[in-house]
Amino acid sequence: MKVLNFEDSVYKANAIQKILGNRCSVASVEQVSNVEDGLKMLKDAENAGEPFNLIITDMHFPMRSGAISDTEAGEKLVQILQEQGNQTKIIVCSSRNMKLPGVYGCIWYSEISDWEEELCDLVREMEKSK
């Protein structure tokens, strides 16, 4: 499975990558810190015939390199992907406890939630439905 993680916090990105690799047996996790670069990575991977199988996104990060964080970046990303007809499954992993229509799953990233197990459960469920 090939995963693209939209996350501007190095600490959180590393935690997600560690969980995916160690507990969910995901071989490839790439991280991007803004929408513009991530959309380019998605397009380049698709054009190379090696598309991403899963997108994990935070909700609050920059739209482009050097820009300030946008509190609606994750929602904008999901909307852009839907408008493009992108069928890649999306999991929201955010410190905002929320539900977002049109995504595969939403995980509350918090010290008081078992976000790690929730993430692995969604990845395993996705693997089974291939």
C-alpha atoms as a PDB file:
ATOM      1  CA  MET A   1       0.000   0.000   0.000  1.00  0.00           C
ATOM      2  CA  LYS A   2       1.218   3.458  -0.907  1.00  0.00           C
ATOM      3  CA  VAL A   3       0.119   6.330   1.372  1.00  0.00           C
ATOM      4  CA  LEU A   4       0.409  10.112   1.018  1.00  0.00           C
ATOM      5  CA  ASN A   5       0.159  11.969   4.335  1.00  0.00           C
ATOM      6  CA  PHE A   6      -0.764  15.681   4.218  1.00  0.00           C
ATOM      7  CA  GLU A   7       0.683  16.937   7.518  1.00  0.00           C
ATOM      8  CA  ASP A   8       2.791  19.981   8.412  1.00  0.00           C
ATOM      9  CA  SER A   9       3.700  18.840  11.951  1.00  0.00           C
ATOM     10  CA  VAL A  10       6.905  16.791  11.776  1.00  0.00           C
ATOM     11  CA  TYR A  11       6.092  15.165  15.130  1.00  0.00           C
ATOM     12  CA  LYS A  12       2.622  14.051  14.013  1.00  0.00           C
ATOM     13  CA  ALA A  13       3.838  12.996  10.547  1.00  0.00           C
ATOM     14  CA  ASN A  14       6.531  10.821  12.148  1.00  0.00           C
ATOM     15  CA  ALA A  15       4.015   9.296  14.578  1.00  0.00           C
ATOM     16  CA  ILE A  16       1.642   8.422  11.727  1.00  0.00           C
ATOM     17  CA  GLN A  17       4.459   6.971   9.622  1.00  0.00           C
ATOM     18  CA  LYS A  18       5.694   4.873  12.554  1.00  0.00           C
ATOM     19  CA  ILE A  19       2.213   3.477  13.273  1.00  0.00           C
ATOM     20  CA  LEU A  20       1.547   2.713   9.602  1.00  0.00           C
ATOM     21  CA  GLY A  21       4.891   0.972   9.153  1.00  0.00           C
ATOM     22  CA  ASN A  22       5.145  -0.900  12.448  1.00  0.00           C
ATOM     23  CA  ARG A  23       1.538  -1.791  13.260  1.00  0.00           C
ATOM     24  CA  CYS A  24      -0.299  -1.623   9.948  1.00  0.00           C
ATOM     25  CA  SER A  25       2.394  -3.132   7.661  1.00  0.00           C
ATOM     26  CA  VAL A  26       2.285  -0.228   5.194  1.00  0.00           C
ATOM     27  CA  ALA A  27       5.394  -0.310   3.017  1.00  0.00           C
ATOM     28  CA  SER A  28       5.395   3.224   1.607  1.00  0.00           C
ATOM     29  CA  VAL A  29       4.398   6.443   3.383  1.00  0.00           C
ATOM     30  CA  GLU A  30       5.256   9.803   1.856  1.00  0.00           C
ATOM     31  CA  GLN A  31       4.646  13.065   3.678  1.00  0.00           C
ATOM     32  CA  VAL A  32       3.819  16.477   2.265  1.00  0.00           C
ATOM     33  CA  SER A  33       3.241  19.697   4.198  1.00  0.00           C
ATOM     34  CA  ASN A  34       0.968  21.669   1.841  1.00  0.00           C
ATOM     35  CA  VAL A  35      -1.886  21.151  -0.602  1.00  0.00           C
ATOM     36  CA  GLU A  36      -0.133  22.395  -3.743  1.00  0.00           C
ATOM     37  CA  ASP A  37       2.865  20.048  -3.407  1.00  0.00           C
ATOM     38  CA  GLY A  38       0.604  17.146  -2.446  1.00  0.00           C
ATOM     39  CA  LEU A  39      -1.626  17.560  -5.492  1.00  0.00           C
ATOM     40  CA  LYS A  40       1.498  17.552  -7.662  1.00  0.00           C
ATOM     41  CA  MET A  41       2.738  14.357  -5.975  1.00  0.00           C
ATOM     42  CA  LEU A  42      -0.641  12.691  -6.553  1.00  0.00           C
ATOM     43  CA  LYS A  43      -0.632  13.673 -10.231  1.00  0.00           C
ATOM     44  CA  ASP A  44       3.001  12.619 -10.763  1.00  0.00           C
ATOM     45  CA  ALA A  45       2.381   9.229  -9.121  1.00  0.00           C
ATOM     46  CA  GLU A  46      -0.723   8.676 -11.259  1.00  0.00           C
ATOM     47  CA  ASN A  47       1.163   9.633 -14.440  1.00  0.00           C
ATOM     48  CA  ALA A  48       3.973   7.233 -13.506  1.00  0.00           C
ATOM     49  CA  GLY A  49       1.460   4.392 -13.147  1.00  0.00           C
ATOM     50  CA  GLU A  50       2.116   4.124  -9.406  1.00  0.00           C
ATOM     51  CA  PRO A  51      -0.836   5.917  -7.802  1.00  0.00           C
ATOM     52  CA  PHE A  52      -1.306   6.346  -4.080  1.00  0.00           C
ATOM     53  CA  ASN A  53      -3.824   3.940  -2.500  1.00  0.00           C
ATOM     54  CA  LEU A  54      -4.625   6.151   0.473  1.00  0.00           C
ATOM     55  CA  ILE A  55      -4.484   9.806   1.473  1.00  0.00           C
ATOM     56  CA  ILE A  56      -4.286  10.778   5.131  1.00  0.00           C
ATOM     57  CA  THR A  57      -4.910  14.438   5.811  1.00  0.00           C
ATOM     58  CA  ASP A  58      -4.896  16.852   8.686  1.00  0.00           C
ATOM     59  CA  MET A  59      -7.310  19.780   8.541  1.00  0.00           C
ATOM     60  CA  HIS A  60      -4.988  22.703   9.339  1.00  0.00           C
ATOM     61  CA  PHE A  61      -1.901  23.237   7.144  1.00  0.00           C
ATOM     62  CA  PRO A  62      -0.705  25.567   4.342  1.00  0.00           C
ATOM     63  CA  MET A  63      -2.220  25.583   0.876  1.00  0.00           C
ATOM     64  CA  ARG A  64       1.238  26.110  -0.685  1.00  0.00           C
ATOM     65  CA  SER A  65       4.871  26.212   0.372  1.00  0.00           C
ATOM     66  CA  GLY A  66       5.742  29.316   2.373  1.00  0.00           C
ATOM     67  CA  ALA A  67       2.114  30.213   3.090  1.00  0.00           C
ATOM     68  CA  ILE A  68       0.581  30.443   6.539  1.00  0.00           C
ATOM     69  CA  SER A  69      -1.568  27.575   7.782  1.00  0.00           C
ATOM     70  CA  ASP A  70      -5.144  27.519   6.553  1.00  0.00           C
ATOM     71  CA  THR A  71      -7.698  26.159   9.032  1.00  0.00           C
ATOM     72  CA  GLU A  72      -9.771  24.813   6.131  1.00  0.00           C
ATOM     73  CA  ALA A  73      -6.950  23.289   4.047  1.00  0.00           C
ATOM     74  CA  GLY A  74      -8.057  19.701   4.659  1.00  0.00           C
ATOM     75  CA  GLU A  75     -11.633  20.437   3.660  1.00  0.00           C
ATOM     76  CA  LYS A  76     -10.408  22.323   0.584  1.00  0.00           C
ATOM     77  CA  LEU A  77      -8.171  19.378  -0.339  1.00  0.00           C
ATOM     78  CA  VAL A  78     -11.077  16.923  -0.114  1.00  0.00           C
ATOM     79  CA  GLN A  79     -13.244  19.238  -2.231  1.00  0.00           C
ATOM     80  CA  ILE A  80     -10.524  19.628  -4.892  1.00  0.00           C
ATOM     81  CA  LEU A  81     -10.008  15.860  -5.092  1.00  0.00           C
ATOM     82  CA  GLN A  82     -13.749  15.233  -5.377  1.00  0.00           C
ATOM     83  CA  GLU A  83     -14.068  17.863  -8.124  1.00  0.00           C
ATOM     84  CA  GLN A  84     -11.186  16.197 -10.000  1.00  0.00           C
ATOM     85  CA  GLY A  85     -12.916  12.821  -9.733  1.00  0.00           C
ATOM     86  CA  ASN A  86     -10.030  11.385  -7.720  1.00  0.00           C
ATOM     87  CA  GLN A  87     -11.163   8.055  -6.228  1.00  0.00           C
ATOM     88  CA  THR A  88      -8.282   7.645  -3.754  1.00  0.00           C
ATOM     89  CA  LYS A  89      -9.612   6.841  -0.297  1.00  0.00           C
ATOM     90  CA  ILE A  90      -9.121   9.623   2.270  1.00  0.00           C
ATOM     91  CA  ILE A  91      -8.734   9.353   6.031  1.00  0.00           C
ATOM     92  CA  VAL A  92      -8.889  12.551   8.069  1.00  0.00           C
ATOM     93  CA  CYS A  93      -6.545  12.457  11.083  1.00  0.00           C
ATOM     94  CA  SER A  94      -7.053  15.682  12.976  1.00  0.00           C
ATOM     95  CA  SER A  95      -6.993  17.132  16.470  1.00  0.00           C
ATOM     96  CA  ARG A  96     -10.433  18.486  15.558  1.00  0.00           C
ATOM     97  CA  ASN A  97     -12.922  15.774  16.506  1.00  0.00           C
ATOM     98  CA  MET A  98     -15.087  15.922  13.404  1.00  0.00           C
ATOM     99  CA  LYS A  99     -16.839  14.000  10.672  1.00  0.00           C
ATOM    100  CA  LEU A 100     -16.371  15.021   7.064  1.00  0.00           C
ATOM    101  CA  PRO A 101     -18.740  13.724   4.369  1.00  0.00           C
ATOM    102  CA  GLY A 102     -17.216  11.933   1.410  1.00  0.00           C
ATOM    103  CA  VAL A 103     -14.135  10.545   3.157  1.00  0.00           C
ATOM    104  CA  TYR A 104     -13.327   6.937   4.047  1.00  0.00           C
ATOM    105  CA  GLY A 105     -12.868   7.690   7.746  1.00  0.00           C
ATOM    106  CA  CYS A 106     -12.207  10.355  10.369  1.00  0.00           C
ATOM    107  CA  ILE A 107      -9.835   9.866  13.294  1.00  0.00           C
ATOM    108  CA  TRP A 108      -9.536  12.128  16.297  1.00  0.00           C
ATOM    109  CA  TYR A 109      -5.799  12.625  16.878  1.00  0.00           C
ATOM    110  CA  SER A 110      -5.621  13.062  20.649  1.00  0.00           C
ATOM    111  CA  GLU A 111      -3.739  11.741  23.641  1.00  0.00           C
ATOM    112  CA  ILE A 112      -7.053  10.602  25.114  1.00  0.00           C
ATOM    113  CA  SER A 113      -8.198   8.656  22.032  1.00  0.00           C
ATOM    114  CA  ASP A 114      -6.811   5.410  20.625  1.00  0.00           C
ATOM    115  CA  TRP A 115      -6.140   7.030  17.257  1.00  0.00           C
ATOM    116  CA  GLU A 116      -3.374   4.542  16.455  1.00  0.00           C
ATOM    117  CA  GLU A 117      -5.707   1.542  16.623  1.00  0.00           C
ATOM    118  CA  GLU A 118      -8.463   3.409  14.766  1.00  0.00           C
ATOM    119  CA  LEU A 119      -6.013   4.188  11.956  1.00  0.00           C
ATOM    120  CA  CYS A 120      -4.844   0.583  11.695  1.00  0.00           C
ATOM    121  CA  ASP A 121      -8.442  -0.677  11.766  1.00  0.00           C
ATOM    122  CA  LEU A 122      -9.335   1.563   8.813  1.00  0.00           C
ATOM    123  CA  VAL A 123      -6.214   0.510   6.878  1.00  0.00           C
ATOM    124  CA  ARG A 124      -6.915  -3.197   7.528  1.00  0.00           C
ATOM    125  CA  GLU A 125     -10.552  -2.748   6.501  1.00  0.00           C
ATOM    126  CA  MET A 126      -9.414  -1.041   3.320  1.00  0.00           C
ATOM    127  CA  GLU A 127      -6.952  -3.855   2.551  1.00  0.00           C
ATOM    128  CA  LYS A 128      -9.695  -6.478   2.956  1.00  0.00           C
ATOM    129  CA  SER A 129     -12.009  -4.665   0.556  1.00  0.00           C
ATOM    130  CA  LYS A 130      -9.480  -4.607  -2.310  1.00  0.00           C
END
